[in-house]
N, C-alpha and C. Protein backbone atom coordinates (compact mmCIF):
# COMPACT_ATOMS: atom_id res chain seq x y z
N UNK A 1 15.76 8.95 20.30
CA UNK A 1 15.04 9.25 19.09
C UNK A 1 13.30 9.42 19.69
N UNK A 2 12.68 10.64 19.41
CA UNK A 2 11.58 10.81 20.01
C UNK A 2 10.55 11.20 18.71
N UNK A 3 9.45 10.69 18.84
CA UNK A 3 8.21 10.98 18.27
C UNK A 3 7.10 11.24 18.89
N UNK A 4 6.38 12.27 18.89
CA UNK A 4 5.46 12.68 19.45
C UNK A 4 4.14 12.34 18.35
N UNK A 5 2.86 11.68 19.22
CA UNK A 5 2.00 11.25 18.53
C UNK A 5 0.86 11.68 19.13
N UNK A 6 -0.37 12.05 18.36
CA UNK A 6 -1.66 12.49 19.10
C UNK A 6 -2.94 11.30 18.94
N UNK A 7 -2.97 11.37 20.33
CA UNK A 7 -4.28 9.85 20.24
C UNK A 7 -5.31 10.90 21.15
N UNK A 8 -6.52 10.36 20.35
CA UNK A 8 -8.03 10.81 21.01
C UNK A 8 -8.49 10.11 22.01
N UNK A 9 -9.10 10.21 22.95
CA UNK A 9 -9.78 9.38 24.08
C UNK A 9 -11.02 9.13 23.73
N UNK A 10 -11.25 7.62 23.82
CA UNK A 10 -12.45 7.07 23.39
C UNK A 10 -12.94 6.70 24.68
N UNK A 11 -12.68 6.39 25.56
CA UNK A 11 -13.30 5.75 26.62
C UNK A 11 -12.45 6.20 27.84
N UNK A 12 -13.13 6.57 29.00
CA UNK A 12 -12.70 6.74 30.32
C UNK A 12 -13.40 5.94 31.12
N UNK A 13 -12.47 5.15 32.09
CA UNK A 13 -13.09 4.62 33.08
C UNK A 13 -12.42 4.80 34.42
N UNK A 14 -13.16 5.20 35.48
CA UNK A 14 -12.75 5.92 36.33
C UNK A 14 -13.78 5.19 37.92
N UNK A 15 -12.55 3.93 38.32
CA UNK A 15 -13.33 3.10 39.51
C UNK A 15 -12.85 4.12 41.35
N UNK A 16 -12.80 5.30 41.14
CA UNK A 16 -12.28 5.99 42.17
C UNK A 16 -10.88 6.11 42.83
N UNK A 17 -10.30 5.12 42.42
CA UNK A 17 -8.88 5.32 42.74
C UNK A 17 -8.04 5.00 41.52
N UNK A 18 -8.46 4.37 40.33
CA UNK A 18 -7.65 4.18 39.06
C UNK A 18 -8.27 4.67 38.13
N UNK A 19 -7.87 5.41 37.17
CA UNK A 19 -8.69 5.75 35.80
C UNK A 19 -7.81 5.12 34.80
N UNK A 20 -8.77 4.41 34.00
CA UNK A 20 -8.14 3.84 32.80
C UNK A 20 -8.85 4.79 31.48
N UNK A 21 -8.05 5.03 30.68
CA UNK A 21 -8.11 5.84 29.52
C UNK A 21 -8.05 4.84 28.27
N UNK A 22 -8.59 5.07 27.30
CA UNK A 22 -8.59 3.97 26.03
C UNK A 22 -8.72 5.02 24.89
N UNK A 23 -7.38 5.00 24.13
CA UNK A 23 -7.07 6.10 23.35
C UNK A 23 -6.75 5.28 22.12
N UNK A 24 -7.02 6.42 20.71
CA UNK A 24 -6.78 5.75 19.46
C UNK A 24 -6.00 6.82 18.66
N UNK A 25 -5.32 6.40 17.74
CA UNK A 25 -4.41 7.65 17.45
C UNK A 25 -5.21 8.63 16.41
N UNK A 26 -5.00 9.45 16.64
CA UNK A 26 -5.23 10.60 15.93
C UNK A 26 -5.21 11.02 14.43
N UNK A 27 -5.70 10.13 13.40
CA UNK A 27 -5.32 10.27 11.93
C UNK A 27 -6.67 10.11 11.32
N UNK A 28 -7.02 11.49 10.68
CA UNK A 28 -8.21 11.15 9.89
C UNK A 28 -8.02 9.69 8.67
N UNK A 29 -8.53 9.09 8.25
CA UNK A 29 -8.50 8.27 7.51
C UNK A 29 -9.68 8.24 6.44
N UNK A 30 -9.13 7.99 5.03
CA UNK A 30 -10.07 8.62 3.74
C UNK A 30 -10.33 7.26 3.34
N UNK A 31 -11.54 6.74 3.09
CA UNK A 31 -11.89 5.39 2.32
C UNK A 31 -11.26 5.26 1.08
N UNK A 32 -10.59 4.52 0.73
CA UNK A 32 -10.06 4.17 -0.73
C UNK A 32 -10.84 2.99 -1.37
N UNK A 33 -11.19 3.19 -2.96
CA UNK A 33 -11.75 1.95 -3.47
C UNK A 33 -10.91 1.08 -3.76
N UNK A 34 -11.42 -0.10 -3.66
CA UNK A 34 -10.71 -1.24 -3.74
C UNK A 34 -10.02 -1.51 -5.12
N UNK A 35 -11.18 -0.94 -6.23
CA UNK A 35 -10.77 -0.82 -7.52
C UNK A 35 -9.48 -0.23 -7.88
N UNK A 36 -9.42 1.20 -7.12
CA UNK A 36 -8.27 2.35 -7.26
C UNK A 36 -7.16 1.63 -6.72
N UNK A 37 -7.03 1.11 -5.98
CA UNK A 37 -5.78 0.13 -4.96
C UNK A 37 -5.58 -0.87 -6.11
N UNK A 38 -6.16 -1.55 -6.91
CA UNK A 38 -6.13 -2.69 -7.76
C UNK A 38 -5.33 -2.09 -9.16
N UNK A 39 -5.59 -1.33 -9.38
CA UNK A 39 -5.45 -0.30 -10.76
C UNK A 39 -3.93 0.44 -10.25
N UNK A 40 -3.99 1.37 -9.25
CA UNK A 40 -2.65 1.72 -8.86
C UNK A 40 -1.47 0.56 -8.34
N UNK A 41 -1.92 -0.77 -8.23
CA UNK A 41 -0.75 -1.76 -7.81
C UNK A 41 -0.63 -2.34 -9.22
N UNK A 42 -1.69 -2.56 -10.29
CA UNK A 42 -1.09 -3.20 -11.50
C UNK A 42 -0.05 -2.15 -12.20
N UNK A 43 -0.54 -1.03 -12.21
CA UNK A 43 0.02 0.36 -12.84
C UNK A 43 1.60 0.40 -12.65
N UNK A 44 2.09 0.08 -11.10
CA UNK A 44 3.15 0.30 -10.85
C UNK A 44 4.09 -0.45 -11.21
N UNK A 45 3.56 -1.67 -11.49
CA UNK A 45 4.57 -3.02 -11.86
C UNK A 45 4.53 -3.18 -13.44
N UNK A 46 3.93 -2.40 -14.05
CA UNK A 46 4.00 -2.28 -15.68
C UNK A 46 4.60 -1.54 -16.36
N UNK A 47 5.90 -1.92 -17.27
CA UNK A 47 6.15 -0.73 -18.20
C UNK A 47 4.95 0.30 -18.99
N UNK A 48 5.42 1.14 -19.39
CA UNK A 48 4.50 1.95 -20.22
C UNK A 48 4.15 1.11 -21.16
N UNK A 49 4.20 0.33 -22.33
CA UNK A 49 3.62 -0.21 -23.49
C UNK A 49 2.65 -1.31 -23.28
N UNK A 50 3.12 -2.31 -21.76
CA UNK A 50 2.47 -3.32 -21.18
C UNK A 50 1.22 -2.63 -20.68
N UNK A 51 1.20 -1.59 -20.03
CA UNK A 51 0.18 -0.79 -19.55
C UNK A 51 -0.80 -0.24 -20.53
N UNK A 52 -0.56 -0.09 -21.27
CA UNK A 52 -1.16 0.49 -22.33
C UNK A 52 -2.21 -0.46 -22.96
N UNK A 53 -1.59 -1.73 -22.98
CA UNK A 53 -2.38 -2.86 -23.60
C UNK A 53 -3.17 -3.26 -22.15
N UNK A 54 -3.04 -3.33 -21.30
CA UNK A 54 -3.51 -4.24 -19.91
C UNK A 54 -4.45 -3.08 -19.40
N UNK A 55 -4.43 -2.20 -18.93
CA UNK A 55 -5.14 -1.39 -18.21
C UNK A 55 -6.36 -1.35 -18.93
N UNK A 56 -6.82 -0.97 -20.33
CA UNK A 56 -8.23 -0.91 -20.37
C UNK A 56 -8.80 -2.23 -20.26
N UNK A 57 -8.33 -3.50 -20.59
CA UNK A 57 -8.97 -5.03 -20.06
C UNK A 57 -9.06 -4.85 -18.36
N UNK A 58 -8.12 -4.82 -17.86
CA UNK A 58 -8.51 -4.60 -16.34
C UNK A 58 -9.45 -3.49 -16.16
N UNK A 59 -9.60 -2.28 -16.39
CA UNK A 59 -10.82 -1.52 -16.31
C UNK A 59 -11.79 -2.15 -16.41
N UNK A 60 -12.29 -2.69 -17.57
CA UNK A 60 -13.13 -3.14 -18.17
C UNK A 60 -13.70 -4.25 -17.51
N UNK A 61 -12.80 -5.33 -16.87
CA UNK A 61 -12.89 -6.30 -15.77
C UNK A 61 -13.56 -5.51 -14.43
N UNK A 62 -12.95 -4.49 -13.72
CA UNK A 62 -13.21 -4.12 -12.76
C UNK A 62 -14.50 -3.23 -12.64
N UNK A 63 -15.08 -3.12 -13.71
CA UNK A 63 -16.16 -2.08 -14.03
C UNK A 63 -17.33 -2.76 -13.51
N UNK A 64 -17.23 -4.41 -13.61
CA UNK A 64 -18.20 -5.11 -13.28
C UNK A 64 -18.46 -5.80 -11.92
N UNK A 65 -17.38 -5.47 -10.98
CA UNK A 65 -17.28 -5.61 -9.61
C UNK A 65 -17.52 -4.38 -9.03
N UNK A 66 -18.48 -4.94 -7.82
CA UNK A 66 -18.88 -3.84 -7.00
C UNK A 66 -17.81 -3.12 -6.63
N UNK A 67 -18.13 -1.63 -6.11
CA UNK A 67 -17.11 -1.10 -5.52
C UNK A 67 -17.14 -1.05 -4.28
N UNK A 68 -16.02 -1.43 -3.46
CA UNK A 68 -15.87 -1.99 -1.93
C UNK A 68 -14.77 -0.86 -1.66
N UNK A 69 -15.35 0.01 -0.63
CA UNK A 69 -14.47 1.23 -0.03
C UNK A 69 -13.76 0.57 1.45
N UNK A 70 -12.85 0.72 1.66
CA UNK A 70 -11.69 0.50 2.64
C UNK A 70 -10.84 1.49 3.27
N UNK A 71 -10.77 1.26 4.44
CA UNK A 71 -9.87 2.12 5.01
C UNK A 71 -8.57 2.10 4.87
N UNK A 72 -7.86 3.01 4.63
CA UNK A 72 -6.38 3.00 4.08
C UNK A 72 -5.28 3.09 5.36
N UNK A 73 -5.59 3.06 6.44
CA UNK A 73 -4.64 3.07 7.58
C UNK A 73 -5.14 2.22 8.60
N UNK A 74 -4.47 1.36 9.36
CA UNK A 74 -5.05 0.77 10.59
C UNK A 74 -4.47 1.81 12.06
N UNK A 75 -5.45 2.23 12.48
CA UNK A 75 -4.80 3.14 13.68
C UNK A 75 -4.61 2.39 15.03
N UNK A 76 -3.65 2.92 15.72
CA UNK A 76 -3.07 2.38 16.84
C UNK A 76 -3.97 2.73 18.07
N UNK A 77 -4.21 1.67 19.06
CA UNK A 77 -4.64 2.04 20.26
C UNK A 77 -3.82 1.76 21.21
N UNK A 78 -4.29 2.37 22.27
CA UNK A 78 -3.67 2.14 23.83
C UNK A 78 -4.63 2.24 24.94
N UNK A 79 -4.29 1.26 25.64
CA UNK A 79 -5.14 1.28 26.90
C UNK A 79 -4.00 1.89 28.13
N UNK A 80 -4.30 2.69 28.85
CA UNK A 80 -3.23 3.25 30.12
C UNK A 80 -4.60 3.21 31.33
N UNK A 81 -3.72 3.11 32.28
CA UNK A 81 -4.20 3.08 33.64
C UNK A 81 -3.26 3.61 34.41
N UNK A 82 -4.14 4.71 35.34
CA UNK A 82 -3.08 5.41 36.28
C UNK A 82 -3.98 5.78 37.26
N UNK A 83 -3.24 6.25 38.54
CA UNK A 83 -3.92 6.48 39.88
C UNK A 83 -4.85 8.05 39.36
N UNK A 84 -5.60 7.87 40.17
CA UNK A 84 -6.45 9.26 40.07
C UNK A 84 -6.30 10.43 40.22
N UNK A 85 -5.07 10.43 41.07
CA UNK A 85 -4.44 11.87 41.27
C UNK A 85 -3.53 12.34 40.29
N UNK A 86 -3.08 11.16 39.68
CA UNK A 86 -2.07 11.65 38.34
C UNK A 86 -3.08 11.96 36.89
N UNK A 87 -4.14 11.30 36.97
CA UNK A 87 -4.91 11.90 35.93
C UNK A 87 -5.61 13.26 36.30
N UNK A 88 -5.99 13.64 37.33
CA UNK A 88 -5.97 14.85 37.84
C UNK A 88 -4.88 15.93 37.37
N UNK A 89 -4.00 15.74 37.51
CA UNK A 89 -2.59 16.24 37.49
C UNK A 89 -2.41 16.50 36.10
N UNK A 90 -2.81 15.63 34.90
CA UNK A 90 -3.28 16.13 33.71
C UNK A 90 -4.37 17.01 33.10
N UNK A 91 -4.96 17.15 34.34
CA UNK A 91 -5.80 18.31 33.62
C UNK A 91 -7.39 17.56 33.52
N UNK A 92 -7.46 16.30 34.10
CA UNK A 92 -8.68 15.56 33.64
C UNK A 92 -9.20 15.61 32.07
N UNK A 93 -8.71 15.18 31.51
CA UNK A 93 -8.78 15.22 29.80
C UNK A 93 -10.21 14.47 29.93
N UNK A 94 -11.33 14.53 28.87
CA UNK A 94 -12.24 14.06 28.81
C UNK A 94 -12.68 13.32 27.46
N UNK A 95 -13.55 12.62 27.12
CA UNK A 95 -13.83 11.95 25.65
C UNK A 95 -13.79 12.79 24.66
N UNK A 96 -12.99 12.37 23.74
CA UNK A 96 -13.06 13.35 22.37
C UNK A 96 -11.67 14.12 22.49
N UNK A 97 -11.18 14.31 23.64
CA UNK A 97 -10.06 15.59 23.64
C UNK A 97 -8.43 14.52 23.11
N UNK A 98 -8.06 15.55 22.89
CA UNK A 98 -6.64 15.08 22.26
C UNK A 98 -5.42 14.78 23.34
N UNK A 99 -4.82 13.91 23.46
CA UNK A 99 -3.21 13.87 24.12
C UNK A 99 -2.20 13.61 23.58
N UNK A 100 -1.04 14.15 23.58
CA UNK A 100 -0.13 13.96 22.75
C UNK A 100 0.84 13.32 23.92
N UNK A 101 1.56 12.08 23.20
CA UNK A 101 2.50 11.31 23.84
C UNK A 101 3.77 10.91 23.32
N UNK A 102 4.66 11.02 23.85
CA UNK A 102 6.03 10.95 23.30
C UNK A 102 6.55 9.77 23.42
N UNK A 103 6.70 9.05 22.09
CA UNK A 103 7.08 7.78 21.74
C UNK A 103 8.66 7.81 21.89
N UNK A 104 9.42 7.52 22.81
CA UNK A 104 10.62 7.61 22.68
C UNK A 104 11.15 5.90 22.79
N UNK A 105 12.39 5.78 22.11
CA UNK A 105 12.97 4.70 21.89
C UNK A 105 14.02 4.68 22.85
N UNK A 106 14.31 3.91 23.72
CA UNK A 106 15.42 4.02 24.94
C UNK A 106 16.38 2.79 24.27
């Protein structure tokens, strides 16, 4: 089974013989309101009649709370060390560029 993921280069450390790349998964995250996450979670667990009674109360309670924005996805990070000649054969990718990594399960 194979899955190709994209990673953005965040940092490159070149000590002359070995190159170290720090990569993060290339996904765009969108801030999500904590209030909205609570409302969605409660909404999924209630039947229509109970939801009708509870949601106005929950909405009133949450209006008094500060809005906290959170990221909805934890990104994967990878550190890779390789010989400099291997890095050069990859085309010397730079910070900000995207690498595709084949995540095979053996």
